[in-house]
Amino acid sequence: MMLAASAYAQQPPPQFPEMTFFVTSVGGPQGANYGGLEGADRHCQTLAAKAGAGAKTWRAYLSTQAVGGATAVNARDRIGKGPWVNAKGVQIATSVDDLHSPNNKIAAETVVAETGRLIPSRLYTVNQHDILTGTQANGTAFPPDKDMTCGNWTKSGEGNAMVGHSDRMGLRDDEASKSWNTSHPSRACDAASLVATGGAGLLYCFAAN
């Protein structure tokens, strides 16, 4: 019996070399603090590599704001040209404009982690549909007057980050609740606060090449 258990433990994770879009199966250890865009991209890259898609250049769908001398970065400008498909081979969007239009195919049944598993939606006991974006509906950064990026992804305490609903569902039947990239600000930037409002500090990851 022991042999079977150890053989099972050695099984490699499922491989999806053709995948060009996923939601991270896990968040970072410090809530919204990924150590900036570089750390967030590394998180995407590491998870993609485990799934056999590490040959591509992966980017987190995150914006940063023009605060403290930093230049604003728009999430839409970081992710390549598309098209993008999930681990199941379903096309999410054909282009950047398509992704930011009502035509994109991000929904509860198409939002799949790099492992091939669905991200728990509002219909599950543990809801993880809040995905960190720090981004406006058109894919651009927020103006610098109000923190919407947890200090450009460096804070894990006080602060806020804009999140989107990966399942396109919310408490109300309004645009924000149905938005995949700009639904509401997080309660704070620590992991517990992200979990409390229906998330887990997860990211959208896109292959940029």
Protein backbone atom coordinates (compact mmCIF):
# COMPACT_ATOMS: atom_id res chain seq x y z
CA MET A 1 0.00 0.00 0.00
CA MET A 2 2.87 2.34 0.85
CA LEU A 3 4.36 1.86 -2.63
CA ALA A 4 1.15 2.98 -4.30
CA ALA A 5 1.01 6.11 -2.14
CA SER A 6 4.59 7.12 -2.88
CA ALA A 7 4.17 6.46 -6.62
CA TYR A 8 1.10 8.69 -6.58
CA ALA A 9 3.01 11.46 -4.82
CA GLN A 10 5.68 11.41 -7.54
CA GLN A 11 3.20 12.00 -10.37
CA PRO A 12 4.05 15.17 -12.31
CA PRO A 13 1.36 17.86 -12.50
CA PRO A 14 -0.86 17.89 -15.61
CA GLN A 15 0.88 19.44 -18.63
CA PHE A 16 -0.72 22.11 -20.83
CA PRO A 17 2.02 23.32 -23.21
CA GLU A 18 -0.48 25.03 -25.56
CA MET A 19 -2.08 27.13 -22.80
CA THR A 20 -1.68 30.91 -23.13
CA PHE A 21 -4.03 32.11 -20.34
CA PHE A 22 -4.74 31.00 -16.80
CA VAL A 23 -5.65 32.20 -13.34
CA THR A 24 -3.03 31.30 -10.74
CA SER A 25 -4.01 28.28 -8.66
CA VAL A 26 -2.45 29.94 -5.61
CA GLY A 27 -1.72 33.49 -4.52
CA GLY A 28 1.57 34.79 -3.20
CA PRO A 29 2.55 34.33 0.46
CA GLN A 30 2.07 38.04 1.26
CA GLY A 31 -1.37 38.87 -0.09
CA ALA A 32 -1.16 41.64 -2.71
CA ASN A 33 2.58 42.18 -2.11
CA TYR A 34 4.24 40.44 -5.02
CA GLY A 35 7.35 42.60 -4.91
CA GLY A 36 6.03 44.68 -7.81
CA LEU A 37 5.28 43.63 -11.38
CA GLU A 38 8.49 41.65 -11.65
CA GLY A 39 7.55 39.38 -8.76
CA ALA A 40 4.01 38.94 -10.09
CA ASP A 41 5.33 37.99 -13.53
CA ARG A 42 7.70 35.51 -11.88
CA HIS A 43 4.76 33.93 -10.04
CA CYS A 44 2.95 33.44 -13.39
CA GLN A 45 6.12 32.11 -15.04
CA THR A 46 6.84 29.60 -12.25
CA LEU A 47 3.33 28.17 -12.27
CA ALA A 48 3.28 28.03 -16.08
CA ALA A 49 6.58 26.13 -16.07
CA LYS A 50 5.12 23.49 -13.72
CA ALA A 51 2.30 23.04 -16.24
CA GLY A 52 4.70 22.57 -19.17
CA ALA A 53 4.14 26.04 -20.63
CA GLY A 54 7.31 27.67 -19.33
CA ALA A 55 8.80 28.25 -22.79
CA LYS A 56 6.47 31.23 -23.22
CA THR A 57 6.99 34.65 -21.60
CA TRP A 58 4.26 35.08 -19.00
CA ARG A 59 2.92 38.36 -17.66
CA ALA A 60 0.54 39.12 -14.82
CA TYR A 61 -2.47 41.22 -15.84
CA LEU A 62 -1.70 44.09 -13.46
CA SER A 63 -1.42 47.85 -13.79
CA THR A 64 0.76 50.17 -11.69
CA GLN A 65 0.09 53.80 -10.83
CA ALA A 66 2.24 56.91 -11.32
CA VAL A 67 3.09 57.46 -7.65
CA GLY A 68 6.40 58.33 -6.01
CA GLY A 69 8.09 59.04 -9.32
CA ALA A 70 7.00 55.73 -10.87
CA THR A 71 5.64 55.60 -14.41
CA ALA A 72 2.10 54.21 -14.77
CA VAL A 73 1.92 50.83 -16.51
CA ASN A 74 -1.28 49.62 -18.19
CA ALA A 75 -2.15 45.95 -17.80
CA ARG A 76 -3.42 45.84 -21.40
CA ASP A 77 0.03 46.86 -22.71
CA ARG A 78 1.87 44.03 -20.93
CA ILE A 79 0.19 40.88 -22.19
CA GLY A 80 1.06 40.61 -25.88
CA LYS A 81 -1.36 40.58 -28.79
CA GLY A 82 -3.34 37.35 -28.33
CA PRO A 83 -5.17 35.20 -29.13
CA TRP A 84 -5.27 33.43 -25.75
CA VAL A 85 -6.56 29.96 -24.87
CA ASN A 86 -7.03 28.32 -21.49
CA ALA A 87 -5.71 24.91 -20.40
CA LYS A 88 -8.79 23.25 -21.94
CA GLY A 89 -8.10 24.85 -25.34
CA VAL A 90 -11.01 27.31 -25.08
CA GLN A 91 -10.26 30.68 -26.65
CA ILE A 92 -10.68 33.51 -24.13
CA ALA A 93 -10.07 36.40 -26.52
CA THR A 94 -8.64 36.97 -29.99
CA SER A 95 -6.88 40.28 -29.24
CA VAL A 96 -6.37 42.97 -26.61
CA ASP A 97 -9.44 44.86 -27.86
CA ASP A 98 -11.50 41.68 -27.88
CA LEU A 99 -10.40 40.94 -24.30
CA HIS A 100 -11.62 44.38 -23.20
CA SER A 101 -14.95 44.07 -25.02
CA PRO A 102 -18.20 42.34 -24.00
CA ASN A 103 -17.21 39.62 -26.47
CA ASN A 104 -14.48 38.04 -24.30
CA LYS A 105 -15.10 34.53 -23.00
CA ILE A 106 -13.99 34.97 -19.40
CA ALA A 107 -16.67 33.22 -17.32
CA ALA A 108 -17.09 30.80 -14.42
CA GLU A 109 -16.72 27.76 -16.70
CA THR A 110 -13.72 29.04 -18.70
CA VAL A 111 -11.58 30.47 -15.91
CA VAL A 112 -9.17 27.64 -15.34
CA ALA A 113 -5.96 27.51 -13.31
CA GLU A 114 -2.67 26.32 -14.81
CA THR A 115 -3.51 22.93 -13.26
CA GLY A 116 -6.64 22.60 -15.42
CA ARG A 117 -8.94 23.06 -12.43
CA LEU A 118 -11.74 25.62 -12.29
CA ILE A 119 -11.32 28.67 -10.04
CA PRO A 120 -14.04 28.48 -7.33
CA SER A 121 -16.84 30.92 -8.19
CA ARG A 122 -19.53 32.58 -6.08
CA LEU A 123 -21.50 29.35 -6.29
CA TYR A 124 -18.89 27.49 -4.18
CA THR A 125 -18.50 27.45 -0.40
CA VAL A 126 -15.01 28.89 -0.77
CA ASN A 127 -15.30 31.71 -3.28
CA GLN A 128 -12.07 32.87 -4.94
CA HIS A 129 -13.50 34.97 -7.78
CA ASP A 130 -11.76 38.23 -6.76
CA ILE A 131 -8.70 38.47 -9.03
CA LEU A 132 -6.14 41.25 -8.43
CA THR A 133 -5.87 43.68 -11.37
CA GLY A 134 -5.43 47.26 -10.14
CA THR A 135 -6.94 48.17 -13.48
CA GLN A 136 -9.81 50.15 -15.03
CA ALA A 137 -12.35 48.51 -17.34
CA ASN A 138 -10.41 49.47 -20.49
CA GLY A 139 -7.22 47.85 -19.17
CA THR A 140 -5.45 51.06 -18.14
CA ALA A 141 -3.98 52.20 -14.83
CA PHE A 142 -5.94 54.32 -12.36
CA PRO A 143 -4.87 57.95 -11.82
CA PRO A 144 -2.38 58.37 -8.96
CA ASP A 145 -4.71 60.10 -6.48
CA LYS A 146 -6.03 56.92 -4.82
CA ASP A 147 -4.16 53.67 -4.20
CA MET A 148 -5.76 50.91 -6.29
CA THR A 149 -2.69 48.67 -6.55
CA CYS A 150 -1.62 48.04 -2.93
CA GLY A 151 1.33 50.37 -3.43
CA ASN A 152 2.07 49.02 -6.91
CA TRP A 153 2.00 45.45 -5.57
CA THR A 154 4.40 46.04 -2.67
CA LYS A 155 1.99 46.27 0.31
CA SER A 156 0.57 43.42 2.36
CA GLY A 157 -1.20 45.47 5.05
CA GLU A 158 -3.03 48.77 4.69
CA GLY A 159 -4.18 49.82 1.25
CA ASN A 160 -6.51 48.68 -1.52
CA ALA A 161 -6.32 46.94 -4.84
CA MET A 162 -8.95 46.85 -7.55
CA VAL A 163 -10.16 43.31 -8.22
CA GLY A 164 -12.25 41.76 -10.99
CA HIS A 165 -14.78 38.93 -10.78
CA SER A 166 -13.51 35.95 -12.77
CA ASP A 167 -16.99 34.35 -12.76
CA ARG A 168 -18.71 37.62 -13.86
CA MET A 169 -21.06 37.34 -10.87
CA GLY A 170 -21.56 39.57 -7.86
CA LEU A 171 -24.02 40.66 -5.20
CA ARG A 172 -25.86 42.93 -7.62
CA ASP A 173 -26.94 42.76 -11.22
CA ASP A 174 -24.73 45.64 -12.31
CA GLU A 175 -21.74 46.25 -14.58
CA ALA A 176 -19.20 46.20 -11.75
CA SER A 177 -20.36 42.83 -10.43
CA LYS A 178 -20.08 41.36 -13.92
CA SER A 179 -16.68 42.89 -14.67
CA TRP A 180 -13.75 40.51 -15.01
CA ASN A 181 -11.18 43.24 -14.31
CA THR A 182 -12.75 46.10 -12.31
CA SER A 183 -15.41 45.10 -9.77
CA HIS A 184 -14.46 46.67 -6.42
CA PRO A 185 -11.44 47.57 -4.28
CA SER A 186 -10.16 44.98 -1.82
CA ARG A 187 -10.69 45.55 1.91
CA ALA A 188 -6.93 45.76 2.45
CA CYS A 189 -3.74 44.20 1.03
CA ASP A 190 -3.05 41.34 3.44
CA ALA A 191 -3.95 37.76 2.56
CA ALA A 192 -6.71 37.50 5.21
CA SER A 193 -8.49 40.61 3.90
CA LEU A 194 -8.32 39.33 0.32
CA VAL A 195 -9.85 36.02 1.41
CA ALA A 196 -12.56 37.76 3.45
CA THR A 197 -14.05 39.49 0.40
CA GLY A 198 -14.01 36.45 -1.90
CA GLY A 199 -10.48 36.10 -3.20
CA ALA A 200 -7.09 34.55 -2.56
CA GLY A 201 -4.70 37.09 -4.07
CA LEU A 202 -4.92 35.30 -7.41
CA LEU A 203 -3.71 36.77 -10.72
CA TYR A 204 -4.69 36.56 -14.38
CA CYS A 205 -1.65 35.36 -16.36
CA PHE A 206 -1.22 35.82 -20.12
CA ALA A 207 1.45 34.54 -22.49
CA ALA A 208 2.90 37.66 -24.09
CA ASN A 209 4.55 35.88 -27.04
